[in-house]
Each structure stands twice: as C-alpha cells, then as structure tokens.
Amino acid sequence: MEAIHPPAVDLLFTLPHPGSRPSATEVSRSTLTNSRLRQFITWVNDHCVLYGRDDGIPDVDGRAWHLHTRQFRRTLAWYIARRPGGAVAGALQFRHHSIQMFEGYAGTSDSGFRAEVESEQALARGEHYMTMVDAHEHEDLAGPAADEAERRLEDFGHRARFQGRVIVDDDRRLKRILKRHDPAVYPGEFITCVHDHPKALCEKAR
C-alpha cells in the first residue's frame, strides 16, 4: 500500500525518510494508528467522490465512521486461531505490538480476548474434525491411539450432522457440540495428539 502512495501525500502509512531504517521492535501507538485509520477513511471517500464511485465508506448516524484498532480484535483472534501454532506464534509476534493492538480491553485477561482466541481455535478444530470425517482421513491414522481417535471422531461426526447436513456453518451449534462432546484429538503437522487426561504428561506438568 505504501508503494502506491506519493511520498508527499500523508495517508494511512507514511513512507520512511530517505536513509532512515525502520525499527524492528517499535510500532506506532494506538492514537497515531487510529488517526491514520481516520485519514484513510477520508481519503477513500474523497477518492470515490472525485471519480464518481458509489462504494465509499458510509457515515454512521451522519458522521464519519470512527474506526479504531480495537475493532480488529475478532479478526486478529481469527487469524491467530487458524494458523499452525497460532497462539504461541501470536504471543511472540504481537508482543512488541502490545501498545498498538492489545492496549486496554484487548490485552488484559479481563477483556475476554484470550477466550475469544480459544473460541476461534475450538471452531477451527471443529471444522477440521468434520473435514477429516468427510474425507475419511480419520480412518488412516496410525499408532497405538489410532483406533481411539477414529472412534472419537466418528462419534463427533455423527453428532455434528443434522438431517444429513454438516452444521459447520452454524457456529453456535458447533460450539455447543464441542463443549459437550469434544473428541480431544489435536491434529498437528507431523503427529496427532489423542488426549487422555489421566495419562497426559502435559497435565501432570501443570
């Protein structure tokens, strides 16, 4: 986006000064980012007026939409939950963004952001379970817990169907089924964990 903006135009992101090197550990504060988001909305709407377009960003109650970094928390949670090792990678990647993205209610345990990420992770797992069952991938697992994993996933697949249709698009129902009948199977890139609470070393280490 920066590449298409003329150097003299102050838009969403400013180009670095000639000879300057961007910092790898510093980001803009939320107030500056929010200001730039508002400038971006103004630029989009001015561009639409100039070129006769009707797809500008609409006003809310007669005023320009007040875009804020906190409005992106659900999007951020979605991406963290659906990337391999997302929760760990997110903690590392966004640590130096704590001022910009997690300041205030988005960054505290009281904010519910962790629960939001965990909810998205559960939905992603549920969708993955159904993909495995539909493609019969759960029948191809190998190892001492393969039969148990197949049984759990087969049971989950039966519960997650309604009148012959998969309910993946119904987030509330999928969450409810996961809460009651989570198969506790965690597919990884190289190995799949079939969680057994009494035997799990990860539980004993807590």
C-alpha atoms as a PDB file:
ATOM      1  CA  MET A   1       0.000   0.000   0.000  1.00  0.00           C
ATOM      2  CA  GLU A   2       2.848   2.377   0.780  1.00  0.00           C
ATOM      3  CA  ALA A   3       4.330   1.806  -2.669  1.00  0.00           C
ATOM      4  CA  ILE A   4       1.329   3.319  -4.488  1.00  0.00           C
ATOM      5  CA  HIS A   5       1.234   6.493  -2.393  1.00  0.00           C
ATOM      6  CA  PRO A   6       3.192   9.578  -3.496  1.00  0.00           C
ATOM      7  CA  PRO A   7       5.880  10.468  -0.923  1.00  0.00           C
ATOM      8  CA  ALA A   8       4.375  13.923  -0.331  1.00  0.00           C
ATOM      9  CA  VAL A   9       0.881  12.596   0.500  1.00  0.00           C
ATOM     10  CA  ASP A  10       0.012  11.928   4.129  1.00  0.00           C
ATOM     11  CA  LEU A  11      -2.236   8.860   4.001  1.00  0.00           C
ATOM     12  CA  LEU A  12      -2.627   5.679   6.047  1.00  0.00           C
ATOM     13  CA  PHE A  13       1.076   4.915   6.343  1.00  0.00           C
ATOM     14  CA  THR A  14       3.888   7.379   5.835  1.00  0.00           C
ATOM     15  CA  LEU A  15       6.937   6.431   3.828  1.00  0.00           C
ATOM     16  CA  PRO A  16      10.224   6.403   5.779  1.00  0.00           C
ATOM     17  CA  HIS A  17      12.553   9.328   5.325  1.00  0.00           C
ATOM     18  CA  PRO A  18      15.414   8.718   2.868  1.00  0.00           C
ATOM     19  CA  GLY A  19      18.255   6.924   4.605  1.00  0.00           C
ATOM     20  CA  SER A  20      16.186   6.000   7.654  1.00  0.00           C
ATOM     21  CA  ARG A  21      15.951   2.418   8.813  1.00  0.00           C
ATOM     22  CA  PRO A  22      12.647   1.182  10.271  1.00  0.00           C
ATOM     23  CA  SER A  23      12.851  -0.265  13.764  1.00  0.00           C
ATOM     24  CA  ALA A  24      12.157  -3.977  14.209  1.00  0.00           C
ATOM     25  CA  THR A  25      10.962  -3.517  17.779  1.00  0.00           C
ATOM     26  CA  GLU A  26       8.892  -0.323  17.710  1.00  0.00           C
ATOM     27  CA  VAL A  27       5.450   0.377  16.311  1.00  0.00           C
ATOM     28  CA  SER A  28       3.125   3.354  16.252  1.00  0.00           C
ATOM     29  CA  ARG A  29       0.976   3.952  19.306  1.00  0.00           C
ATOM     30  CA  SER A  30      -2.751   3.297  19.093  1.00  0.00           C
ATOM     31  CA  THR A  31      -3.580   7.007  18.976  1.00  0.00           C
ATOM     32  CA  LEU A  32      -1.397   7.541  15.902  1.00  0.00           C
ATOM     33  CA  THR A  33      -2.702   4.389  14.209  1.00  0.00           C
ATOM     34  CA  ASN A  34      -6.312   5.413  14.875  1.00  0.00           C
ATOM     35  CA  SER A  35      -5.598   8.853  13.428  1.00  0.00           C
ATOM     36  CA  ARG A  36      -4.199   7.262  10.285  1.00  0.00           C
ATOM     37  CA  LEU A  37      -7.202   4.961  10.003  1.00  0.00           C
ATOM     38  CA  ARG A  38      -9.472   8.019  10.053  1.00  0.00           C
ATOM     39  CA  GLN A  39      -7.289   9.687   7.429  1.00  0.00           C
ATOM     40  CA  PHE A  40      -7.610   6.561   5.322  1.00  0.00           C
ATOM     41  CA  ILE A  41     -11.427   6.696   5.516  1.00  0.00           C
ATOM     42  CA  THR A  42     -11.351  10.347   4.455  1.00  0.00           C
ATOM     43  CA  TRP A  43      -9.013   9.527   1.563  1.00  0.00           C
ATOM     44  CA  VAL A  44     -11.234   6.644   0.373  1.00  0.00           C
ATOM     45  CA  ASN A  45     -14.360   8.803   0.404  1.00  0.00           C
ATOM     46  CA  ASP A  46     -12.625  11.748  -1.293  1.00  0.00           C
ATOM     47  CA  HIS A  47     -11.323   9.349  -3.953  1.00  0.00           C
ATOM     48  CA  CYS A  48     -14.847   7.993  -4.532  1.00  0.00           C
ATOM     49  CA  VAL A  49     -16.296  11.498  -4.880  1.00  0.00           C
ATOM     50  CA  LEU A  50     -13.513  12.546  -7.258  1.00  0.00           C
ATOM     51  CA  TYR A  51     -14.028   9.564  -9.560  1.00  0.00           C
ATOM     52  CA  GLY A  52     -17.802   9.287  -9.236  1.00  0.00           C
ATOM     53  CA  ARG A  53     -17.771   5.995  -7.355  1.00  0.00           C
ATOM     54  CA  ASP A  54     -20.624   4.934  -5.081  1.00  0.00           C
ATOM     55  CA  ASP A  55     -18.727   2.395  -2.961  1.00  0.00           C
ATOM     56  CA  GLY A  56     -17.264   4.731  -0.364  1.00  0.00           C
ATOM     57  CA  ILE A  57     -17.284   4.061   3.376  1.00  0.00           C
ATOM     58  CA  PRO A  58     -20.742   5.161   4.604  1.00  0.00           C
ATOM     59  CA  ASP A  59     -21.286   7.539   7.510  1.00  0.00           C
ATOM     60  CA  VAL A  60     -22.778   6.287  10.778  1.00  0.00           C
ATOM     61  CA  ASP A  61     -25.521   8.498  12.235  1.00  0.00           C
ATOM     62  CA  GLY A  62     -24.453  11.285   9.913  1.00  0.00           C
ATOM     63  CA  ARG A  63     -20.818  11.176  10.994  1.00  0.00           C
ATOM     64  CA  ALA A  64     -17.735   9.557   9.513  1.00  0.00           C
ATOM     65  CA  TRP A  65     -17.165   6.027  10.777  1.00  0.00           C
ATOM     66  CA  HIS A  66     -14.861   6.181  13.807  1.00  0.00           C
ATOM     67  CA  LEU A  67     -12.523   3.288  13.012  1.00  0.00           C
ATOM     68  CA  HIS A  68     -10.417   2.038  15.930  1.00  0.00           C
ATOM     69  CA  THR A  69      -7.746  -0.636  16.323  1.00  0.00           C
ATOM     70  CA  ARG A  70      -9.911  -2.423  18.907  1.00  0.00           C
ATOM     71  CA  GLN A  71     -12.450  -3.181  16.184  1.00  0.00           C
ATOM     72  CA  PHE A  72      -9.940  -5.596  14.662  1.00  0.00           C
ATOM     73  CA  ARG A  73      -9.684  -7.888  17.699  1.00  0.00           C
ATOM     74  CA  ARG A  74     -12.070 -10.535  16.290  1.00  0.00           C
ATOM     75  CA  THR A  75     -10.131 -10.536  13.025  1.00  0.00           C
ATOM     76  CA  LEU A  76      -6.880 -10.882  14.931  1.00  0.00           C
ATOM     77  CA  ALA A  77      -8.313 -13.731  17.022  1.00  0.00           C
ATOM     78  CA  TRP A  78      -9.496 -15.496  13.843  1.00  0.00           C
ATOM     79  CA  TYR A  79      -6.029 -15.392  12.274  1.00  0.00           C
ATOM     80  CA  ILE A  80      -4.222 -16.408  15.470  1.00  0.00           C
ATOM     81  CA  ALA A  81      -6.537 -19.386  15.965  1.00  0.00           C
ATOM     82  CA  ARG A  82      -6.262 -20.669  12.405  1.00  0.00           C
ATOM     83  CA  ARG A  83      -2.505 -20.549  11.943  1.00  0.00           C
ATOM     84  CA  PRO A  84      -0.369 -23.579  12.900  1.00  0.00           C
ATOM     85  CA  GLY A  85       0.863 -22.898  16.418  1.00  0.00           C
ATOM     86  CA  GLY A  86      -1.088 -19.663  16.212  1.00  0.00           C
ATOM     87  CA  ALA A  87      -1.420 -18.980  19.920  1.00  0.00           C
ATOM     88  CA  VAL A  88       2.316 -19.344  20.502  1.00  0.00           C
ATOM     89  CA  ALA A  89       3.247 -17.523  17.308  1.00  0.00           C
ATOM     90  CA  GLY A  90       0.782 -14.766  18.150  1.00  0.00           C
ATOM     91  CA  ALA A  91       2.253 -14.263  21.588  1.00  0.00           C
ATOM     92  CA  LEU A  92       5.724 -13.927  20.089  1.00  0.00           C
ATOM     93  CA  GLN A  93       4.818 -11.918  17.006  1.00  0.00           C
ATOM     94  CA  PHE A  94       2.486  -9.428  18.676  1.00  0.00           C
ATOM     95  CA  ARG A  95       4.411  -8.960  21.914  1.00  0.00           C
ATOM     96  CA  HIS A  96       6.045  -5.783  20.648  1.00  0.00           C
ATOM     97  CA  HIS A  97       2.665  -4.671  19.320  1.00  0.00           C
ATOM     98  CA  SER A  98       1.206  -4.679  22.834  1.00  0.00           C
ATOM     99  CA  ILE A  99       0.704  -0.909  22.811  1.00  0.00           C
ATOM    100  CA  GLN A 100      -0.969  -0.848  19.413  1.00  0.00           C
ATOM    101  CA  MET A 101      -3.217  -3.925  19.364  1.00  0.00           C
ATOM    102  CA  PHE A 102      -3.636  -5.109  22.949  1.00  0.00           C
ATOM    103  CA  GLU A 103      -3.751  -1.852  24.888  1.00  0.00           C
ATOM    104  CA  GLY A 104      -6.700  -1.623  27.259  1.00  0.00           C
ATOM    105  CA  TYR A 105      -9.524  -4.136  26.979  1.00  0.00           C
ATOM    106  CA  ALA A 106      -7.962  -6.114  24.111  1.00  0.00           C
ATOM    107  CA  GLY A 107      -4.863  -7.029  26.068  1.00  0.00           C
ATOM    108  CA  THR A 108      -5.978  -7.983  29.554  1.00  0.00           C
ATOM    109  CA  SER A 109      -7.345 -11.253  30.907  1.00  0.00           C
ATOM    110  CA  ASP A 110     -10.484  -9.388  31.970  1.00  0.00           C
ATOM    111  CA  SER A 111     -11.086  -8.301  28.393  1.00  0.00           C
ATOM    112  CA  GLY A 112     -12.068 -11.779  27.255  1.00  0.00           C
ATOM    113  CA  PHE A 113      -9.626 -11.658  24.339  1.00  0.00           C
ATOM    114  CA  ARG A 114      -7.998 -14.931  25.377  1.00  0.00           C
ATOM    115  CA  ALA A 115     -11.436 -16.565  25.499  1.00  0.00           C
ATOM    116  CA  GLU A 116     -12.149 -15.131  22.064  1.00  0.00           C
ATOM    117  CA  VAL A 117      -8.986 -16.702  20.643  1.00  0.00           C
ATOM    118  CA  GLU A 118      -9.792 -20.010  22.342  1.00  0.00           C
ATOM    119  CA  SER A 119     -13.323 -19.895  20.935  1.00  0.00           C
ATOM    120  CA  GLU A 120     -11.959 -19.374  17.426  1.00  0.00           C
ATOM    121  CA  GLN A 121      -9.474 -22.205  17.987  1.00  0.00           C
ATOM    122  CA  ALA A 122     -12.308 -24.519  19.003  1.00  0.00           C
ATOM    123  CA  LEU A 123     -14.296 -23.623  15.885  1.00  0.00           C
ATOM    124  CA  ALA A 124     -11.247 -24.208  13.706  1.00  0.00           C
ATOM    125  CA  ARG A 125     -10.755 -27.624  15.320  1.00  0.00           C
ATOM    126  CA  GLY A 126     -14.426 -28.487  14.820  1.00  0.00           C
ATOM    127  CA  GLU A 127     -14.224 -27.561  11.146  1.00  0.00           C
ATOM    128  CA  HIS A 128     -11.044 -29.621  10.811  1.00  0.00           C
ATOM    129  CA  TYR A 129     -12.696 -32.595  12.513  1.00  0.00           C
ATOM    130  CA  MET A 130     -15.575 -32.519  10.046  1.00  0.00           C
ATOM    131  CA  THR A 131     -13.178 -32.243   7.107  1.00  0.00           C
ATOM    132  CA  MET A 132     -11.306 -35.302   8.392  1.00  0.00           C
ATOM    133  CA  VAL A 133     -14.514 -37.298   8.873  1.00  0.00           C
ATOM    134  CA  ASP A 134     -15.968 -36.341   5.484  1.00  0.00           C
ATOM    135  CA  ALA A 135     -12.728 -37.294   3.728  1.00  0.00           C
ATOM    136  CA  HIS A 136     -12.377 -40.454   5.872  1.00  0.00           C
ATOM    137  CA  GLU A 137      -8.948 -39.231   6.939  1.00  0.00           C
ATOM    138  CA  HIS A 138      -9.671 -40.339  10.499  1.00  0.00           C
ATOM    139  CA  GLU A 139      -9.573 -43.932   9.229  1.00  0.00           C
ATOM    140  CA  ASP A 140      -5.981 -43.576   8.039  1.00  0.00           C
ATOM    141  CA  LEU A 141      -4.399 -42.641  11.368  1.00  0.00           C
ATOM    142  CA  ALA A 142      -1.654 -44.916  12.646  1.00  0.00           C
ATOM    143  CA  GLY A 143      -0.185 -45.583  16.062  1.00  0.00           C
ATOM    144  CA  PRO A 144      -1.337 -47.014  19.392  1.00  0.00           C
ATOM    145  CA  ALA A 145      -4.155 -44.457  19.774  1.00  0.00           C
ATOM    146  CA  ALA A 146      -5.399 -44.648  16.169  1.00  0.00           C
ATOM    147  CA  ASP A 147      -8.479 -46.745  16.969  1.00  0.00           C
ATOM    148  CA  GLU A 148      -9.448 -44.441  19.829  1.00  0.00           C
ATOM    149  CA  ALA A 149      -9.028 -41.360  17.620  1.00  0.00           C
ATOM    150  CA  GLU A 150     -11.154 -42.930  14.885  1.00  0.00           C
ATOM    151  CA  ARG A 151     -13.888 -43.817  17.384  1.00  0.00           C
ATOM    152  CA  ARG A 152     -13.950 -40.305  18.874  1.00  0.00           C
ATOM    153  CA  LEU A 153     -14.007 -38.560  15.507  1.00  0.00           C
ATOM    154  CA  GLU A 154     -16.664 -40.894  14.119  1.00  0.00           C
ATOM    155  CA  ASP A 155     -18.846 -40.155  17.151  1.00  0.00           C
ATOM    156  CA  PHE A 156     -18.257 -36.415  16.764  1.00  0.00           C
ATOM    157  CA  GLY A 157     -19.148 -36.608  13.064  1.00  0.00           C
ATOM    158  CA  HIS A 158     -22.486 -38.269  13.851  1.00  0.00           C
ATOM    159  CA  ARG A 159     -23.343 -35.659  16.473  1.00  0.00           C
ATOM    160  CA  ALA A 160     -22.325 -32.755  14.235  1.00  0.00           C
ATOM    161  CA  ARG A 161     -24.726 -33.686  11.452  1.00  0.00           C
ATOM    162  CA  PHE A 162     -28.321 -32.591  11.234  1.00  0.00           C
ATOM    163  CA  GLN A 163     -30.716 -34.134   8.712  1.00  0.00           C
ATOM    164  CA  GLY A 164     -27.821 -35.267   6.587  1.00  0.00           C
ATOM    165  CA  ARG A 165     -26.129 -31.851   6.522  1.00  0.00           C
ATOM    166  CA  VAL A 166     -22.923 -30.783   8.236  1.00  0.00           C
ATOM    167  CA  ILE A 167     -23.524 -27.902  10.638  1.00  0.00           C
ATOM    168  CA  VAL A 168     -20.080 -26.298  10.275  1.00  0.00           C
ATOM    169  CA  ASP A 169     -21.729 -23.025   9.198  1.00  0.00           C
ATOM    170  CA  ASP A 170     -23.711 -22.900  12.467  1.00  0.00           C
ATOM    171  CA  ASP A 171     -21.056 -21.597  14.870  1.00  0.00           C
ATOM    172  CA  ARG A 172     -23.289 -21.708  17.934  1.00  0.00           C
ATOM    173  CA  ARG A 173     -24.315 -25.326  17.428  1.00  0.00           C
ATOM    174  CA  LEU A 174     -20.764 -26.373  16.617  1.00  0.00           C
ATOM    175  CA  LYS A 175     -19.510 -24.699  19.813  1.00  0.00           C
ATOM    176  CA  ARG A 176     -22.239 -26.417  21.812  1.00  0.00           C
ATOM    177  CA  ILE A 177     -21.328 -29.849  20.423  1.00  0.00           C
ATOM    178  CA  LEU A 178     -17.628 -29.208  21.040  1.00  0.00           C
ATOM    179  CA  LYS A 179     -18.352 -28.206  24.641  1.00  0.00           C
ATOM    180  CA  ARG A 180     -20.284 -31.419  25.297  1.00  0.00           C
ATOM    181  CA  HIS A 181     -18.551 -33.917  23.018  1.00  0.00           C
ATOM    182  CA  ASP A 182     -15.083 -32.588  22.201  1.00  0.00           C
ATOM    183  CA  PRO A 183     -13.119 -35.592  20.869  1.00  0.00           C
ATOM    184  CA  ALA A 184      -9.900 -34.063  22.252  1.00  0.00           C
ATOM    185  CA  VAL A 185      -7.973 -35.004  19.126  1.00  0.00           C
ATOM    186  CA  TYR A 186      -5.407 -32.391  18.133  1.00  0.00           C
ATOM    187  CA  PRO A 187      -4.031 -32.851  14.598  1.00  0.00           C
ATOM    188  CA  GLY A 188      -0.535 -31.498  14.047  1.00  0.00           C
ATOM    189  CA  GLU A 189       1.726 -31.226  11.048  1.00  0.00           C
ATOM    190  CA  PHE A 190       3.705 -34.362  11.894  1.00  0.00           C
ATOM    191  CA  ILE A 191       1.789 -36.002  14.744  1.00  0.00           C
ATOM    192  CA  THR A 192      -1.763 -36.101  16.078  1.00  0.00           C
ATOM    193  CA  CYS A 193      -2.397 -35.909  19.824  1.00  0.00           C
ATOM    194  CA  VAL A 194      -5.209 -38.108  21.140  1.00  0.00           C
ATOM    195  CA  HIS A 195      -5.536 -36.555  24.572  1.00  0.00           C
ATOM    196  CA  ASP A 196      -6.013 -38.879  27.535  1.00  0.00           C
ATOM    197  CA  HIS A 197      -6.320 -36.756  30.658  1.00  0.00           C
ATOM    198  CA  PRO A 198      -5.228 -39.364  33.281  1.00  0.00           C
ATOM    199  CA  LYS A 199      -2.115 -40.315  31.294  1.00  0.00           C
ATOM    200  CA  ALA A 200      -1.154 -36.997  29.702  1.00  0.00           C
ATOM    201  CA  LEU A 201       2.289 -35.818  30.785  1.00  0.00           C
ATOM    202  CA  CYS A 202       1.335 -32.252  29.872  1.00  0.00           C
ATOM    203  CA  GLU A 203      -1.396 -32.390  32.535  1.00  0.00           C
ATOM    204  CA  LYS A 204       0.991 -33.729  35.175  1.00  0.00           C
ATOM    205  CA  ALA A 205       3.471 -30.947  34.423  1.00  0.00           C
ATOM    206  CA  ARG A 206       0.985 -28.244  35.402  1.00  0.00           C
END
